Amino acid sequence: MIIGVPIEVKNNENRVGLTPHSVKKIVDSGHDVLIQNNAGANIGFFNDQYQNAGAKIIDSAEEVYKSSEMVVKVKEPIPDEYKFLNSDLTLFTYLHLAGDPENAKKLIDTGVTGIAYETVTSSDGSMPLLAPMSTIAGQLAFVVGSYHLLKHNKGKGVMIGHMDDMDPRVVTVIGAGVAGTQSILKAIDNRALVKVVDSSQSKLDDLKYKYGTDNVEYILSTKDSIQVSVNESDLVIGSVYVVGKEAPKVVTKDMLSSMNPGTVMVDVSIDQGGCFETSKPTTHDSPTFLENDIVHYCVTNMPGAVPLTATEALNKVSLSYVENLANNGIQNALDSDEHLRNGLNILDGTIVHPGVKEALE
């Protein structure tokens, strides 16, 4: 199979679909890999490393797409890339179709076969290709949230950390999946008072068993419980994820009016449309905006802030799937692996994933 890796073109996106190590494994299995010129240069993966691994360097994105049977990316294509897509091509990447329905429909119309990392499953019910980026995003959410609490960033001017004889600052995490759990751990490590809000009582009970009750509250999600929690918080992290669907709006616009000015809200779910009603996509160049004097951080590619770490973490789990698709052919690989097949979102110009289909109807 001929596998192509173009340069990522989303704002401040320096991740790359395959590392030189991954390329060598794929080439050693008898496949051809085309890398766009300098695709990994910004994170220290240079053309000569890819060439030494057996890849061919291609000057333009157009040629990479045109010459490949499967393209391996990190982020969903932007509209400028749609002209390179066609029904003979398979795209393996994060797609997040429910997060941008208008562009999703245009992407579907290209006829490309789209396999989305974020809906690939495993036998234990987890999302193996989503998990590493969720882990990174969850940790970053606390870091960027703390940074934007600084007064010159329009925040309250408070520090989340230990100060003798002072009450701890309050962090609310809504949604205790992979990303949320990472945010919870960062907040605990920084000695915050942590409010964990989730719709699953069993999940709350599991977390309570793991992390105890010292400075941690476990709260079943309701509109009222969320309102009380955010009112008392310095930092609110939203990390609600429903497979393939648009994220539910757990913090509504009217809730902001009773929150303290300078509170920071970080929407980790923004790739899936956001879990705050007032969220709108932002970039690393301009990551925040104010709504009712509440700081909103809604960057759609948060792990792109640490592209080397993120690329290596993604490749550790994605490589085996790329090898399966290449070694067995797209259709055979999908037919023989129900969990990989759950990643299939687009086929022959139609949505085939039930959750994504429901979200876009």
Protein backbone atom coordinates (compact mmCIF):
# COMPACT_ATOMS: atom_id res chain seq x y z
CA MET A 1 0.00 0.00 0.00
CA ILE A 2 1.08 3.58 -0.60
CA ILE A 3 0.64 5.65 2.56
CA GLY A 4 0.90 9.43 2.55
CA VAL A 5 1.63 11.88 5.37
CA PRO A 6 0.97 15.56 4.57
CA ILE A 7 1.89 18.60 6.64
CA GLU A 8 -0.78 19.50 9.17
CA VAL A 9 -2.20 22.92 8.29
CA LYS A 10 -4.46 23.74 11.22
CA ASN A 11 -3.43 26.80 13.25
CA ASN A 12 -0.26 26.04 15.24
CA GLU A 13 -0.53 22.34 14.47
CA ASN A 14 2.97 20.85 14.44
CA ARG A 15 2.08 17.23 15.09
CA VAL A 16 2.72 14.75 12.28
CA GLY A 17 0.86 11.57 11.36
CA LEU A 18 3.84 9.18 11.45
CA THR A 19 7.21 9.33 13.18
CA PRO A 20 10.36 8.05 11.45
CA HIS A 21 10.22 4.99 13.74
CA SER A 22 6.69 4.21 12.55
CA VAL A 23 7.70 4.75 8.93
CA LYS A 24 10.52 2.21 9.24
CA LYS A 25 8.15 -0.41 10.64
CA ILE A 26 5.69 0.18 7.80
CA VAL A 27 8.37 0.18 5.07
CA ASP A 28 9.91 -2.98 6.50
CA SER A 29 6.51 -4.63 5.99
CA GLY A 30 6.73 -3.89 2.27
CA HIS A 31 4.75 -0.67 1.94
CA ASP A 32 5.63 2.73 0.46
CA VAL A 33 5.45 5.87 2.59
CA LEU A 34 5.31 9.37 1.14
CA ILE A 35 6.16 12.24 3.50
CA GLN A 36 5.51 15.83 2.52
CA ASN A 37 8.65 17.95 2.59
CA ASN A 38 9.40 19.06 6.18
CA ALA A 39 6.20 17.52 7.57
CA GLY A 40 7.87 16.76 10.89
CA ALA A 41 10.64 19.36 10.90
CA ASN A 42 9.03 21.59 13.53
CA ILE A 43 9.28 18.82 16.12
CA GLY A 44 12.70 17.51 15.15
CA PHE A 45 11.73 14.82 12.64
CA PHE A 46 13.71 15.90 9.58
CA ASN A 47 13.57 14.75 5.97
CA ASP A 48 16.80 12.75 6.23
CA GLN A 49 15.41 10.77 9.18
CA TYR A 50 12.36 9.84 7.14
CA GLN A 51 14.50 8.99 4.13
CA ASN A 52 16.75 6.79 6.29
CA ALA A 53 13.60 5.04 7.47
CA GLY A 54 12.69 4.32 3.84
CA ALA A 55 10.21 7.09 3.05
CA LYS A 56 10.11 9.19 -0.08
CA ILE A 57 9.97 12.97 0.37
CA ILE A 58 7.26 14.71 -1.70
CA ASP A 59 7.21 18.46 -2.29
CA SER A 60 3.49 19.23 -2.25
CA ALA A 61 0.42 18.15 -0.31
CA GLU A 62 -1.44 17.74 -3.59
CA GLU A 63 1.07 15.15 -4.78
CA VAL A 64 0.97 13.30 -1.45
CA TYR A 65 -2.81 12.97 -1.62
CA LYS A 66 -2.85 12.16 -5.33
CA SER A 67 -0.23 9.43 -5.06
CA SER A 68 -1.48 7.73 -1.88
CA GLU A 69 -4.04 5.02 -1.21
CA MET A 70 -4.29 5.93 2.47
CA VAL A 71 -3.41 9.24 4.12
CA VAL A 72 -2.48 9.23 7.80
CA LYS A 73 -3.01 12.56 9.53
CA VAL A 74 -3.57 13.93 13.01
CA LYS A 75 -6.29 16.56 12.60
CA GLU A 76 -9.37 16.63 10.41
CA PRO A 77 -8.84 18.21 6.98
CA ILE A 78 -9.67 21.88 6.68
CA PRO A 79 -11.71 23.10 3.67
CA ASP A 80 -8.56 24.02 1.72
CA GLU A 81 -7.65 20.31 1.71
CA TYR A 82 -11.01 19.01 0.47
CA LYS A 83 -9.95 19.42 -3.16
CA PHE A 84 -7.33 16.71 -2.60
CA LEU A 85 -9.86 14.11 -1.41
CA ASN A 86 -11.69 11.56 -3.55
CA SER A 87 -13.45 8.21 -3.45
CA ASP A 88 -10.25 6.26 -4.10
CA LEU A 89 -8.62 7.54 -0.92
CA THR A 90 -8.87 6.41 2.71
CA LEU A 91 -8.27 9.00 5.41
CA PHE A 92 -7.14 7.82 8.85
CA THR A 93 -7.16 10.68 11.35
CA TYR A 94 -9.21 12.44 14.01
CA LEU A 95 -12.37 13.62 12.24
CA HIS A 96 -14.67 15.01 14.98
CA LEU A 97 -17.48 15.35 12.44
CA ALA A 98 -20.14 16.22 15.02
CA GLY A 99 -18.15 19.24 16.15
CA ASP A 100 -18.54 21.08 12.82
CA PRO A 101 -21.64 19.82 10.96
CA GLU A 102 -21.38 22.33 8.12
CA ASN A 103 -17.87 21.33 7.12
CA ALA A 104 -18.56 17.69 7.92
CA LYS A 105 -21.14 17.57 5.13
CA LYS A 106 -18.67 19.06 2.66
CA LEU A 107 -16.05 16.52 3.69
CA ILE A 108 -18.53 13.68 3.24
CA ASP A 109 -19.36 14.95 -0.24
CA THR A 110 -15.74 14.40 -1.37
CA GLY A 111 -16.42 10.65 -1.34
CA VAL A 112 -13.36 9.91 0.80
CA THR A 113 -13.42 6.89 3.10
CA GLY A 114 -12.96 8.31 6.59
CA ILE A 115 -11.76 6.24 9.56
CA ALA A 116 -11.79 8.35 12.72
CA TYR A 117 -9.35 7.72 15.55
CA GLU A 118 -11.86 8.97 18.11
CA THR A 119 -14.49 6.26 17.49
CA VAL A 120 -12.16 3.24 17.32
CA THR A 121 -12.95 1.05 20.31
CA SER A 122 -11.31 -1.77 22.25
CA SER A 123 -12.68 -4.87 23.93
CA ASP A 124 -12.83 -3.19 27.35
CA GLY A 125 -15.00 -0.36 25.99
CA SER A 126 -12.24 2.24 25.98
CA MET A 127 -11.21 4.48 23.08
CA PRO A 128 -7.55 3.55 22.52
CA LEU A 129 -6.73 6.18 19.88
CA LEU A 130 -8.56 8.97 21.68
CA ALA A 131 -7.07 8.20 25.09
CA PRO A 132 -3.52 9.56 24.61
CA MET A 133 -4.74 12.93 23.36
CA SER A 134 -7.39 13.05 26.08
CA THR A 135 -4.67 12.35 28.65
CA ILE A 136 -2.60 15.24 27.33
CA ALA A 137 -5.59 17.59 26.98
CA GLY A 138 -6.72 16.83 30.53
CA GLN A 139 -3.34 17.73 31.96
CA LEU A 140 -3.01 20.81 29.77
CA ALA A 141 -6.48 21.99 30.78
CA PHE A 142 -5.29 22.53 34.34
CA VAL A 143 -2.05 24.17 33.16
CA VAL A 144 -3.70 26.65 30.78
CA GLY A 145 -6.55 27.24 33.19
CA SER A 146 -4.13 28.16 35.96
CA TYR A 147 -2.19 30.43 33.61
CA HIS A 148 -5.28 32.30 32.52
CA LEU A 149 -6.29 32.92 36.12
CA LEU A 150 -3.41 35.42 36.21
CA LYS A 151 -4.74 38.95 36.34
CA HIS A 152 -3.01 40.13 33.17
CA ASN A 153 -4.84 37.31 31.37
CA LYS A 154 -8.22 38.68 32.56
CA GLY A 155 -8.47 36.06 35.30
CA LYS A 156 -9.22 36.56 38.98
CA GLY A 157 -5.59 37.02 39.88
CA VAL A 158 -5.35 33.89 42.02
CA MET A 159 -2.89 31.02 42.15
CA ILE A 160 -3.91 27.40 42.52
CA GLY A 161 -1.32 26.02 44.88
CA HIS A 162 -0.48 25.52 48.54
CA MET A 163 -0.25 28.60 50.77
CA ASP A 164 -0.01 28.21 54.54
CA ASP A 165 -3.08 29.36 56.48
CA MET A 166 -5.07 30.09 53.33
CA ASP A 167 -8.11 28.23 52.03
CA PRO A 168 -7.48 26.22 48.85
CA ARG A 169 -8.75 27.52 45.53
CA VAL A 170 -11.62 25.64 43.92
CA VAL A 171 -11.48 23.62 40.69
CA THR A 172 -14.57 21.98 39.20
CA VAL A 173 -14.16 19.19 36.65
CA ILE A 174 -17.31 18.24 34.76
CA GLY A 175 -16.98 14.85 33.10
CA ALA A 176 -14.68 12.30 34.69
CA GLY A 177 -13.49 10.35 31.66
CA VAL A 178 -9.86 10.08 30.60
CA ALA A 179 -9.33 13.83 30.17
CA GLY A 180 -11.35 14.76 33.25
CA THR A 181 -9.48 12.30 35.45
CA GLN A 182 -6.18 13.82 34.38
CA SER A 183 -7.45 17.29 35.27
CA ILE A 184 -8.63 15.98 38.63
CA LEU A 185 -5.20 14.53 39.39
CA LYS A 186 -3.44 17.79 38.44
CA ALA A 187 -5.81 19.74 40.68
CA ILE A 188 -5.28 17.33 43.59
CA ASP A 189 -1.49 17.57 43.13
CA ASN A 190 -1.77 21.35 43.35
CA ARG A 191 -3.80 21.12 46.56
CA ALA A 192 -6.97 22.60 45.19
CA LEU A 193 -10.43 21.87 46.53
CA VAL A 194 -11.71 19.70 43.69
CA LYS A 195 -15.36 19.29 42.75
CA VAL A 196 -15.83 16.26 40.50
CA VAL A 197 -19.14 16.34 38.62
CA ASP A 198 -20.31 13.38 36.54
CA SER A 199 -23.59 11.82 35.43
CA SER A 200 -22.51 8.32 36.52
CA GLN A 201 -22.76 7.54 40.21
CA SER A 202 -20.70 4.37 39.76
CA LYS A 203 -17.89 6.38 38.19
CA LEU A 204 -18.00 8.85 41.06
CA ASP A 205 -17.87 5.96 43.53
CA ASP A 206 -14.85 4.48 41.75
CA LEU A 207 -13.02 7.80 41.85
CA LYS A 208 -13.91 8.28 45.51
CA TYR A 209 -12.39 4.88 46.28
CA LYS A 210 -9.21 5.78 44.37
CA TYR A 211 -8.64 9.36 45.50
CA GLY A 212 -10.44 9.64 48.82
CA THR A 213 -12.32 12.62 50.19
CA ASP A 214 -9.54 14.93 51.38
CA ASN A 215 -10.33 18.16 49.52
CA VAL A 216 -12.32 16.27 46.87
CA GLU A 217 -16.11 16.33 46.50
CA TYR A 218 -17.96 13.87 44.26
CA ILE A 219 -21.16 15.35 42.82
CA LEU A 220 -23.85 13.74 40.68
CA SER A 221 -24.49 15.95 37.68
CA THR A 222 -27.69 17.97 37.64
CA LYS A 223 -28.36 21.51 36.44
CA ASP A 224 -28.53 22.71 40.04
CA SER A 225 -25.40 20.88 41.19
CA ILE A 226 -23.43 22.24 38.25
CA GLN A 227 -24.64 25.79 38.97
CA VAL A 228 -23.60 25.58 42.63
CA SER A 229 -20.23 24.11 41.71
CA VAL A 230 -19.30 26.67 39.06
CA ASN A 231 -20.44 29.54 41.28
CA GLU A 232 -17.88 28.48 43.89
CA SER A 233 -15.05 27.79 41.42
CA ASP A 234 -11.97 29.60 40.23
CA LEU A 235 -11.40 27.15 37.37
CA VAL A 236 -14.02 25.06 35.57
CA ILE A 237 -12.87 22.28 33.23
CA GLY A 238 -15.46 20.70 30.94
CA SER A 239 -14.53 17.30 29.52
CA VAL A 240 -17.78 15.64 28.54
CA TYR A 241 -17.57 13.16 25.66
CA VAL A 242 -20.29 11.09 23.99
CA VAL A 243 -18.89 8.79 21.30
CA GLY A 244 -19.37 10.29 17.86
CA LYS A 245 -21.92 12.86 19.02
CA GLU A 246 -21.90 16.55 19.74
CA ALA A 247 -21.06 17.24 23.38
CA PRO A 248 -24.06 18.13 25.58
CA LYS A 249 -24.14 21.73 26.87
CA VAL A 250 -23.68 21.15 30.59
CA VAL A 251 -22.98 24.81 31.46
CA THR A 252 -25.63 27.09 29.96
CA LYS A 253 -25.32 30.75 29.13
CA ASP A 254 -27.61 31.83 31.96
CA MET A 255 -25.35 30.09 34.51
CA LEU A 256 -22.57 32.59 33.82
CA SER A 257 -24.48 35.51 35.33
CA SER A 258 -24.02 34.21 38.88
CA MET A 259 -20.38 33.16 38.47
CA ASN A 260 -17.54 35.30 39.78
CA PRO A 261 -15.86 37.57 37.21
CA GLY A 262 -12.45 36.28 36.18
CA THR A 263 -13.38 32.63 36.60
CA VAL A 264 -11.70 30.55 33.89
CA MET A 265 -13.57 27.92 31.91
CA VAL A 266 -11.59 25.43 29.79
CA ASP A 267 -13.66 23.46 27.27
CA VAL A 268 -11.79 20.25 26.49
CA SER A 269 -14.85 19.06 24.56
CA ILE A 270 -14.65 21.84 21.98
CA ASP A 271 -13.59 19.38 19.25
CA GLN A 272 -17.03 17.84 19.66
CA GLY A 273 -18.85 21.16 19.60
CA GLY A 274 -18.12 22.15 23.20
CA CYS A 275 -19.85 21.37 26.49
CA PHE A 276 -20.38 25.03 27.48
CA GLU A 277 -23.21 26.81 25.67
CA THR A 278 -21.08 29.94 25.31
CA SER A 279 -18.05 28.13 23.86
CA LYS A 280 -16.77 28.88 20.38
CA PRO A 281 -13.61 27.46 18.76
CA THR A 282 -10.37 29.36 19.39
CA THR A 283 -6.74 28.89 18.35
CA HIS A 284 -3.37 28.83 20.06
CA ASP A 285 -2.77 32.28 18.57
CA SER A 286 -5.85 33.68 20.26
CA PRO A 287 -6.93 31.09 22.82
CA THR A 288 -9.43 32.95 25.01
CA PHE A 289 -12.37 35.31 24.95
CA LEU A 290 -14.59 36.89 27.60
CA GLU A 291 -18.29 36.20 27.96
CA ASN A 292 -20.02 37.84 30.96
CA ASP A 293 -16.53 38.53 32.36
CA ILE A 294 -15.81 34.79 32.38
CA VAL A 295 -12.61 33.72 30.60
CA HIS A 296 -13.26 30.97 28.03
CA TYR A 297 -10.41 28.81 26.71
CA CYS A 298 -11.65 26.78 23.73
CA VAL A 299 -8.64 25.77 21.63
CA THR A 300 -9.66 22.96 19.29
CA ASN A 301 -6.26 21.28 19.13
CA MET A 302 -5.02 21.54 22.71
CA PRO A 303 -2.45 18.71 22.42
CA GLY A 304 -0.90 20.66 19.55
CA ALA A 305 0.73 22.79 22.25
CA VAL A 306 3.04 19.84 23.00
CA PRO A 307 3.36 18.39 19.49
CA LEU A 308 6.41 16.20 20.04
CA THR A 309 4.94 14.51 23.11
CA ALA A 310 1.56 14.22 21.41
CA THR A 311 2.94 12.76 18.17
CA GLU A 312 4.97 10.13 19.99
CA ALA A 313 2.06 9.23 22.28
CA LEU A 314 -0.34 8.90 19.34
CA ASN A 315 2.06 6.78 17.28
CA LYS A 316 2.52 4.33 20.14
CA VAL A 317 -1.12 3.35 19.76
CA SER A 318 -1.92 4.21 16.13
CA LEU A 319 0.92 2.29 14.44
CA SER A 320 -0.62 -1.15 14.90
CA TYR A 321 -3.85 0.05 13.27
CA VAL A 322 -1.98 1.58 10.33
CA GLU A 323 -0.10 -1.71 9.89
CA ASN A 324 -3.34 -3.68 10.02
CA LEU A 325 -4.95 -1.49 7.35
CA ALA A 326 -1.86 -1.65 5.14
CA ASN A 327 -1.04 -5.33 5.56
CA ASN A 328 -4.59 -6.63 5.14
CA GLY A 329 -6.15 -3.97 2.92
CA ILE A 330 -8.77 -1.48 4.08
CA GLN A 331 -11.85 -3.64 3.60
CA ASN A 332 -10.36 -6.85 5.02
CA ALA A 333 -8.98 -5.01 8.04
CA LEU A 334 -12.37 -3.45 8.76
CA ASP A 335 -14.23 -6.72 8.20
CA SER A 336 -11.97 -8.68 10.54
CA ASP A 337 -11.80 -6.19 13.43
CA GLU A 338 -15.09 -4.89 14.81
CA HIS A 339 -13.28 -2.34 17.00
CA LEU A 340 -11.43 -0.84 14.06
CA ARG A 341 -14.69 -0.97 12.10
CA ASN A 342 -16.24 1.26 14.76
CA GLY A 343 -13.80 3.90 13.55
CA LEU A 344 -15.37 3.93 10.09
CA ASN A 345 -17.35 7.18 9.88
CA ILE A 346 -17.61 7.88 6.13
CA LEU A 347 -18.05 5.44 3.25
CA ASP A 348 -19.23 6.11 -0.31
CA GLY A 349 -20.43 9.60 0.50
CA THR A 350 -22.55 8.59 3.49
CA ILE A 351 -22.19 8.51 7.27
CA VAL A 352 -22.04 4.93 8.51
CA HIS A 353 -21.28 5.39 12.21
CA PRO A 354 -24.64 5.40 14.08
CA GLY A 355 -23.64 8.02 16.65
CA VAL A 356 -22.16 10.38 14.11
CA LYS A 357 -25.12 9.88 11.79
CA GLU A 358 -27.54 10.78 14.58
CA ALA A 359 -25.51 13.86 15.49
CA LEU A 360 -25.52 15.17 11.93
CA GLU A 361 -29.18 14.51 11.10
